[in-house]
N, C-alpha and C. Protein backbone atom coordinates (compact mmCIF):
# COMPACT_ATOMS: atom_id res chain seq x y z
N MET A 1 0.84 -1.17 0.13
CA MET A 1 0.11 0.06 0.06
C MET A 1 0.94 1.27 0.09
N ASN A 2 0.48 2.28 -0.81
CA ASN A 2 1.48 3.31 -1.07
C ASN A 2 1.16 4.44 0.18
N LEU A 3 1.98 5.28 0.27
CA LEU A 3 1.91 6.33 1.46
C LEU A 3 0.64 7.16 1.38
N ILE A 4 0.35 7.39 0.31
CA ILE A 4 -1.12 8.34 0.26
C ILE A 4 -2.24 7.66 0.85
N ASN A 5 -2.15 6.33 0.32
CA ASN A 5 -3.53 5.35 0.92
C ASN A 5 -3.33 5.42 2.33
N LYS A 6 -2.15 4.99 2.82
CA LYS A 6 -1.87 4.99 4.34
C LYS A 6 -2.40 6.29 4.98
N LEU A 7 -2.03 7.44 4.34
CA LEU A 7 -2.27 8.79 4.90
C LEU A 7 -3.88 8.83 5.00
N ASN A 8 -4.51 8.36 3.89
CA ASN A 8 -6.13 8.52 3.82
C ASN A 8 -6.67 7.74 4.77
N ILE A 9 -6.17 6.55 5.02
CA ILE A 9 -6.77 5.64 6.17
C ILE A 9 -6.50 6.44 7.31
N PHE A 10 -5.49 6.87 7.72
CA PHE A 10 -4.97 7.57 9.07
C PHE A 10 -6.13 9.00 9.19
N LEU A 11 -6.19 9.50 8.08
CA LEU A 11 -7.17 10.76 7.86
C LEU A 11 -8.62 10.11 8.35
N ALA A 12 -8.99 9.22 7.71
CA ALA A 12 -10.45 8.71 7.84
C ALA A 12 -10.58 8.30 9.40
N ASP A 13 -9.53 7.71 10.00
CA ASP A 13 -9.56 7.39 11.40
C ASP A 13 -9.82 8.57 12.23
N GLN A 14 -8.89 9.61 12.02
CA GLN A 14 -9.06 10.93 12.79
C GLN A 14 -10.43 11.54 12.47
N GLN A 15 -11.04 11.52 11.32
CA GLN A 15 -12.33 12.09 11.03
C GLN A 15 -13.51 11.43 12.03
N ILE A 16 -13.41 9.88 12.07
CA ILE A 16 -14.10 9.26 12.80
C ILE A 16 -13.93 9.39 14.30
N PHE A 17 -12.77 9.47 14.58
CA PHE A 17 -12.32 9.59 16.07
C PHE A 17 -12.89 10.94 16.50
N TYR A 18 -12.91 12.13 15.72
CA TYR A 18 -13.40 13.38 16.06
C TYR A 18 -14.87 13.30 16.56
N VAL A 19 -15.54 12.30 15.82
CA VAL A 19 -17.06 12.35 16.01
C VAL A 19 -17.19 11.45 17.38
N LYS A 20 -16.15 10.48 17.58
CA LYS A 20 -16.40 9.56 18.80
C LYS A 20 -15.94 10.33 19.94
N LEU A 21 -14.92 11.29 20.00
CA LEU A 21 -14.71 12.10 21.00
C LEU A 21 -15.95 12.98 21.51
N HIS A 22 -16.61 13.44 20.47
CA HIS A 22 -17.68 14.35 20.86
C HIS A 22 -18.78 13.46 21.70
N ASN A 23 -18.96 12.17 21.06
CA ASN A 23 -19.81 11.11 21.81
C ASN A 23 -19.43 11.13 23.16
N LEU A 24 -17.93 10.94 23.59
CA LEU A 24 -17.64 10.62 24.78
C LEU A 24 -17.89 11.98 25.65
N HIS A 25 -17.60 13.00 25.09
CA HIS A 25 -17.74 14.62 25.66
C HIS A 25 -19.11 14.62 26.10
N TRP A 26 -20.19 14.18 25.31
CA TRP A 26 -21.61 14.51 25.40
C TRP A 26 -22.29 13.48 26.45
N TYR A 27 -21.67 12.18 26.41
CA TYR A 27 -22.43 11.19 27.16
C TYR A 27 -21.69 10.77 28.38
N LEU A 28 -20.77 11.57 28.63
CA LEU A 28 -19.83 11.21 29.94
C LEU A 28 -20.73 11.38 31.37
N VAL A 29 -20.84 10.49 32.14
CA VAL A 29 -21.28 10.76 33.49
C VAL A 29 -20.34 10.36 34.56
N GLY A 30 -20.68 10.80 35.75
CA GLY A 30 -19.91 10.42 36.92
C GLY A 30 -19.29 11.51 37.52
N SER A 31 -18.32 11.06 38.53
CA SER A 31 -17.57 12.06 39.44
C SER A 31 -16.41 12.62 38.75
N SER A 32 -15.99 12.13 37.64
CA SER A 32 -14.91 12.74 36.80
C SER A 32 -15.28 13.50 35.61
N PHE A 33 -16.73 13.85 35.74
CA PHE A 33 -17.45 14.40 34.54
C PHE A 33 -16.62 16.00 34.12
N PHE A 34 -16.48 16.71 35.21
CA PHE A 34 -15.93 18.05 34.92
C PHE A 34 -14.56 17.94 34.36
N THR A 35 -13.72 17.05 34.79
CA THR A 35 -12.26 17.07 34.37
C THR A 35 -12.28 16.45 32.95
N LEU A 36 -12.87 15.33 32.81
CA LEU A 36 -12.84 14.63 31.49
C LEU A 36 -13.67 15.31 30.34
N HIS A 37 -14.82 15.97 30.64
CA HIS A 37 -15.48 16.78 29.70
C HIS A 37 -14.65 17.75 28.95
N ALA A 38 -13.86 18.48 29.76
CA ALA A 38 -12.96 19.46 29.29
C ALA A 38 -11.78 18.76 28.52
N LYS A 39 -11.32 17.58 28.91
CA LYS A 39 -10.34 16.89 28.19
C LYS A 39 -10.72 16.51 26.98
N PHE A 40 -11.79 15.98 26.84
CA PHE A 40 -12.39 15.42 25.58
C PHE A 40 -12.55 16.58 24.62
N GLU A 41 -12.96 17.80 25.01
CA GLU A 41 -12.93 18.94 24.15
C GLU A 41 -11.55 19.33 23.65
N GLU A 42 -10.71 19.32 24.46
CA GLU A 42 -9.22 19.46 24.07
C GLU A 42 -8.98 18.40 23.03
N LEU A 43 -9.05 17.25 23.26
CA LEU A 43 -8.69 16.18 22.47
C LEU A 43 -9.47 16.31 20.95
N TYR A 44 -10.65 16.69 20.98
CA TYR A 44 -11.41 16.61 19.71
C TYR A 44 -11.01 17.92 18.98
N ASN A 45 -10.39 18.89 19.54
CA ASN A 45 -9.81 20.05 18.79
C ASN A 45 -8.48 19.72 18.28
N GLN A 46 -7.76 18.91 19.09
CA GLN A 46 -6.39 18.58 18.78
C GLN A 46 -6.52 17.53 17.32
N THR A 47 -7.54 16.78 17.62
CA THR A 47 -7.83 15.68 16.24
C THR A 47 -8.17 16.42 15.14
N ALA A 48 -9.08 17.56 15.32
CA ALA A 48 -9.26 18.35 14.12
C ALA A 48 -8.12 18.84 13.43
N GLY A 49 -6.99 19.23 14.30
CA GLY A 49 -5.94 19.88 13.62
C GLY A 49 -4.92 18.74 13.03
N VAL A 50 -4.95 17.57 13.74
CA VAL A 50 -4.34 16.57 13.03
C VAL A 50 -4.89 16.10 11.63
N ALA A 51 -6.18 16.04 11.61
CA ALA A 51 -6.87 15.77 10.50
C ALA A 51 -6.51 16.72 9.44
N ASP A 52 -6.55 17.98 9.73
CA ASP A 52 -6.39 19.09 8.68
C ASP A 52 -4.88 18.87 8.10
N ASP A 53 -3.89 18.72 9.14
CA ASP A 53 -2.44 18.68 8.73
C ASP A 53 -2.40 17.42 7.74
N VAL A 54 -2.93 16.28 8.21
CA VAL A 54 -2.86 15.07 7.20
C VAL A 54 -3.41 15.18 5.92
N ALA A 55 -4.51 15.98 5.85
CA ALA A 55 -5.12 16.13 4.51
C ALA A 55 -4.24 17.00 3.80
N GLU A 56 -3.77 18.00 4.33
CA GLU A 56 -2.94 19.05 3.58
C GLU A 56 -1.54 18.50 3.33
N ARG A 57 -1.11 17.57 3.96
CA ARG A 57 0.07 16.59 3.53
C ARG A 57 -0.34 15.72 2.33
N ILE A 58 -1.34 15.28 2.15
CA ILE A 58 -1.79 14.37 1.23
C ILE A 58 -2.03 15.20 -0.06
N LEU A 59 -2.43 16.34 0.03
CA LEU A 59 -2.64 17.48 -1.19
C LEU A 59 -1.13 17.73 -1.58
N ALA A 60 -0.29 18.03 -0.62
CA ALA A 60 1.21 18.45 -0.96
C ALA A 60 1.88 17.32 -1.73
N LEU A 61 1.46 16.09 -1.44
CA LEU A 61 2.19 14.87 -2.04
C LEU A 61 1.31 14.62 -3.41
N GLY A 62 0.51 15.42 -3.76
CA GLY A 62 -0.40 15.08 -5.05
C GLY A 62 -1.52 14.27 -5.03
N GLY A 63 -1.85 13.83 -3.91
CA GLY A 63 -2.92 13.04 -3.65
C GLY A 63 -4.33 13.63 -3.25
N LYS A 64 -5.39 13.03 -3.11
CA LYS A 64 -6.64 13.49 -2.82
C LYS A 64 -7.13 13.04 -1.52
N PRO A 65 -7.33 13.91 -0.39
CA PRO A 65 -7.75 13.48 0.83
C PRO A 65 -9.12 13.12 0.88
N VAL A 66 -9.42 12.18 1.90
CA VAL A 66 -10.85 11.77 2.15
C VAL A 66 -11.70 12.94 2.55
N GLY A 67 -12.68 13.22 1.73
CA GLY A 67 -13.45 14.45 2.17
C GLY A 67 -14.87 14.12 2.39
N SER A 68 -15.42 12.97 2.56
CA SER A 68 -16.81 12.67 2.85
C SER A 68 -16.86 11.53 4.05
N ALA A 69 -17.93 11.84 4.76
CA ALA A 69 -18.14 10.96 5.99
C ALA A 69 -18.15 9.26 5.53
N LYS A 70 -18.95 9.30 4.36
CA LYS A 70 -19.32 7.84 3.64
C LYS A 70 -17.81 7.27 3.43
N LYS A 71 -16.87 8.05 2.82
CA LYS A 71 -15.68 7.33 2.44
C LYS A 71 -14.98 7.06 3.70
N ALA A 72 -14.80 8.02 4.60
CA ALA A 72 -14.20 7.81 5.84
C ALA A 72 -14.68 6.59 6.53
N LEU A 73 -15.97 6.37 6.63
CA LEU A 73 -16.35 5.30 7.37
C LEU A 73 -15.96 3.92 6.67
N GLU A 74 -15.82 3.95 5.27
CA GLU A 74 -15.30 2.77 4.42
C GLU A 74 -14.01 2.43 4.97
N LEU A 75 -13.13 3.43 5.06
CA LEU A 75 -11.75 3.33 5.30
C LEU A 75 -11.44 3.13 6.84
N THR A 76 -12.09 3.56 7.64
CA THR A 76 -11.61 3.75 9.00
C THR A 76 -11.67 2.29 9.86
N SER A 77 -10.82 2.16 10.74
CA SER A 77 -10.95 1.01 11.77
C SER A 77 -11.36 1.45 12.95
N VAL A 78 -11.61 2.68 13.27
CA VAL A 78 -12.27 3.16 14.51
C VAL A 78 -13.70 2.68 14.49
N THR A 79 -14.20 2.26 15.81
CA THR A 79 -15.52 1.77 15.89
C THR A 79 -16.21 2.98 16.54
N GLU A 80 -17.40 3.03 16.01
CA GLU A 80 -18.21 4.03 16.55
C GLU A 80 -18.98 3.73 17.89
N LEU A 81 -19.37 4.69 18.70
CA LEU A 81 -20.14 4.46 20.10
C LEU A 81 -21.50 4.79 19.71
N ASP A 82 -22.41 3.87 20.64
CA ASP A 82 -23.82 4.02 20.53
C ASP A 82 -23.98 5.26 21.40
N ASP A 83 -25.10 5.94 21.43
CA ASP A 83 -25.39 7.23 22.09
C ASP A 83 -25.90 6.77 23.45
N LEU A 84 -25.15 6.29 24.28
CA LEU A 84 -25.23 6.02 25.61
C LEU A 84 -24.45 6.47 26.70
N LYS A 85 -24.89 6.55 27.84
CA LYS A 85 -24.06 7.29 28.97
C LYS A 85 -22.83 6.36 29.18
N ILE A 86 -21.81 6.95 29.50
CA ILE A 86 -20.56 6.16 29.89
C ILE A 86 -19.73 6.82 30.93
N SER A 87 -19.24 5.86 31.84
CA SER A 87 -18.46 6.40 32.89
C SER A 87 -17.07 6.84 32.65
N GLY A 88 -16.49 7.60 33.27
CA GLY A 88 -14.99 8.07 33.00
C GLY A 88 -14.07 7.01 32.78
N GLN A 89 -14.09 5.88 33.67
CA GLN A 89 -13.26 4.80 33.64
C GLN A 89 -13.44 4.17 32.28
N GLU A 90 -14.74 3.96 31.84
CA GLU A 90 -14.82 3.16 30.58
C GLU A 90 -14.53 4.11 29.32
N ALA A 91 -14.80 5.38 29.57
CA ALA A 91 -14.33 6.44 28.50
C ALA A 91 -12.80 6.26 28.18
N ILE A 92 -12.26 6.33 29.35
CA ILE A 92 -10.72 6.45 29.03
C ILE A 92 -10.21 5.03 28.48
N LYS A 93 -10.86 4.04 28.84
CA LYS A 93 -10.50 2.70 28.28
C LYS A 93 -10.69 2.59 26.63
N VAL A 94 -11.86 3.30 26.48
CA VAL A 94 -12.07 3.32 24.93
C VAL A 94 -11.15 4.21 24.20
N LEU A 95 -10.79 5.41 24.89
CA LEU A 95 -9.77 6.31 24.21
C LEU A 95 -8.43 5.58 24.19
N LEU A 96 -8.06 4.89 25.22
CA LEU A 96 -6.62 4.31 25.24
C LEU A 96 -6.56 3.35 24.13
N THR A 97 -7.62 2.62 23.79
CA THR A 97 -7.69 1.59 22.60
C THR A 97 -7.20 2.36 21.38
N ASP A 98 -8.08 3.28 21.21
CA ASP A 98 -7.75 4.07 19.88
C ASP A 98 -6.41 4.70 19.83
N VAL A 99 -5.95 5.46 20.83
CA VAL A 99 -4.84 6.03 20.82
C VAL A 99 -3.67 5.17 20.66
N LYS A 100 -3.84 3.98 21.10
CA LYS A 100 -2.68 2.85 20.89
C LYS A 100 -2.67 2.53 19.46
N ALA A 101 -3.74 2.37 18.83
CA ALA A 101 -3.76 1.91 17.43
C ALA A 101 -3.37 3.13 16.56
N PHE A 102 -3.68 4.39 16.90
CA PHE A 102 -3.00 5.48 16.17
C PHE A 102 -1.58 5.60 16.20
N ASN A 103 -1.00 5.29 17.43
CA ASN A 103 0.32 5.31 17.68
C ASN A 103 1.10 4.22 16.75
N GLU A 104 0.61 2.88 16.66
CA GLU A 104 1.20 2.03 15.91
C GLU A 104 0.92 2.41 14.37
N ALA A 105 -0.27 2.92 14.09
CA ALA A 105 -0.54 3.36 12.52
C ALA A 105 0.66 4.52 12.31
N SER A 106 0.78 5.46 13.19
CA SER A 106 1.88 6.42 13.06
C SER A 106 3.28 5.85 12.73
N LYS A 107 3.56 4.93 13.54
CA LYS A 107 4.96 4.29 13.47
C LYS A 107 5.02 3.64 11.96
N GLY A 108 3.92 3.00 11.51
CA GLY A 108 3.97 2.33 10.10
C GLY A 108 4.14 3.41 9.12
N ILE A 109 3.41 4.53 9.27
CA ILE A 109 3.35 5.61 8.19
C ILE A 109 4.81 6.19 8.28
N ARG A 110 5.38 6.49 9.39
CA ARG A 110 6.75 6.87 9.67
C ARG A 110 7.66 6.13 8.77
N SER A 111 7.60 4.74 9.09
CA SER A 111 8.55 3.83 8.34
C SER A 111 8.32 3.89 6.90
N LEU A 112 7.21 3.93 6.44
CA LEU A 112 6.98 3.99 4.93
C LEU A 112 7.47 5.42 4.27
N ALA A 113 7.25 6.29 5.13
CA ALA A 113 7.70 7.67 4.57
C ALA A 113 9.27 7.64 4.56
N ALA A 114 9.94 6.94 5.51
CA ALA A 114 11.40 6.84 5.46
C ALA A 114 11.82 6.07 4.44
N GLU A 115 11.16 5.12 4.07
CA GLU A 115 11.48 4.11 2.92
C GLU A 115 11.41 4.97 1.61
N GLU A 116 10.34 5.76 1.50
CA GLU A 116 10.34 6.57 0.29
C GLU A 116 11.05 7.97 0.36
N GLY A 117 11.83 8.20 1.40
CA GLY A 117 12.63 9.35 1.27
C GLY A 117 11.82 10.59 1.60
N ASP A 118 10.75 10.48 2.10
CA ASP A 118 9.96 11.69 2.54
C ASP A 118 10.01 12.02 3.97
N GLY A 119 11.13 12.98 4.23
CA GLY A 119 11.50 13.49 5.53
C GLY A 119 10.31 14.17 6.04
N VAL A 120 9.71 14.95 5.42
CA VAL A 120 8.50 15.89 6.03
C VAL A 120 7.34 14.84 6.61
N THR A 121 7.13 14.07 5.86
CA THR A 121 6.15 13.15 6.48
C THR A 121 6.55 12.37 7.68
N GLU A 122 7.76 12.02 7.53
CA GLU A 122 8.41 11.08 8.56
C GLU A 122 8.47 11.99 9.82
N ASP A 123 8.89 13.32 9.89
CA ASP A 123 8.84 14.26 10.81
C ASP A 123 7.62 14.46 11.43
N GLN A 124 6.59 14.75 10.62
CA GLN A 124 5.08 14.82 10.98
C GLN A 124 4.88 13.85 11.89
N PHE A 125 4.96 12.56 11.46
CA PHE A 125 4.62 11.39 12.22
C PHE A 125 5.39 11.12 13.42
N ASN A 126 6.58 11.58 13.35
CA ASN A 126 7.45 11.44 14.54
C ASN A 126 6.71 12.37 15.78
N ASN A 127 6.25 13.64 15.27
CA ASN A 127 5.62 14.43 16.29
C ASN A 127 4.38 13.82 16.74
N TYR A 128 3.58 13.11 15.93
CA TYR A 128 2.35 12.54 16.39
C TYR A 128 2.52 11.29 17.32
N ILE A 129 3.68 10.54 17.09
CA ILE A 129 4.10 9.46 17.98
C ILE A 129 4.52 10.00 19.28
N GLY A 130 5.24 11.04 19.53
CA GLY A 130 5.52 11.58 20.76
C GLY A 130 4.30 12.13 21.39
N ALA A 131 3.44 12.70 20.87
CA ALA A 131 2.12 13.05 21.48
C ALA A 131 1.35 11.91 21.85
N TYR A 132 1.29 10.97 20.98
CA TYR A 132 0.49 9.68 21.29
C TYR A 132 1.06 8.90 22.55
N GLU A 133 2.42 8.90 22.57
CA GLU A 133 3.06 8.16 23.63
C GLU A 133 2.85 8.83 25.12
N LYS A 134 2.81 10.05 24.92
CA LYS A 134 2.70 10.86 26.32
C LYS A 134 1.08 10.66 26.65
N LEU A 135 0.22 10.82 25.67
CA LEU A 135 -1.33 10.52 26.06
C LEU A 135 -1.47 9.18 26.52
N ILE A 136 -0.82 8.19 25.98
CA ILE A 136 -0.89 6.90 26.54
C ILE A 136 -0.44 6.68 27.92
N TRP A 137 0.71 7.21 28.31
CA TRP A 137 1.17 7.20 29.45
C TRP A 137 0.05 7.91 30.47
N MET A 138 -0.55 8.92 30.13
CA MET A 138 -1.49 9.74 30.96
C MET A 138 -2.64 8.90 31.17
N LEU A 139 -3.02 8.24 30.14
CA LEU A 139 -4.43 7.61 30.27
C LEU A 139 -4.25 6.35 31.06
N GLU A 140 -3.04 5.58 30.97
CA GLU A 140 -2.76 4.55 31.79
C GLU A 140 -2.59 5.05 33.28
N ALA A 141 -1.87 6.04 33.35
CA ALA A 141 -1.87 6.69 34.84
C ALA A 141 -3.30 6.80 35.47
N TYR A 142 -4.23 7.33 34.66
CA TYR A 142 -5.62 7.61 35.10
C TYR A 142 -6.19 6.36 35.45
N LEU A 143 -6.00 5.22 34.81
CA LEU A 143 -6.64 4.08 35.09
C LEU A 143 -6.02 3.19 36.31
N GLU A 144 -4.79 3.62 36.61
CA GLU A 144 -4.23 2.91 37.96
C GLU A 144 -5.07 3.11 39.08
N LYS A 145 -5.04 2.13 39.70
CA LYS A 145 -5.80 2.07 41.03
C LYS A 145 -4.77 2.18 42.17
């Protein structure tokens, strides 16, 4: 699979994750509501930025970024959530699963970019990996008893 295809899958994942984060933001209940409600808003704003940056990178490489929800749903591996209340602990577990998957996908894209001599995409995904690894550490710390 070529780099632009991998980037489009990653973009689709970010687009659907953006919606999923809104679901967590809206349906969160429990004692950690105030803290996590704000955190999910921060994360969906960051995710929108990642999606935009990836789409623009695809364009810079001469590709066509996924621009419809229908196509994003066809490409994504992110599972959607039902519109149901969710506790803070469960929400963080859901989030952690997705972030770990994005971290692994980022490593694959970074490697492919390196193989193709695309240092710009490699650097972009190095930055994502650093951010995902930090977030994974924080989410795992939150779940510790």
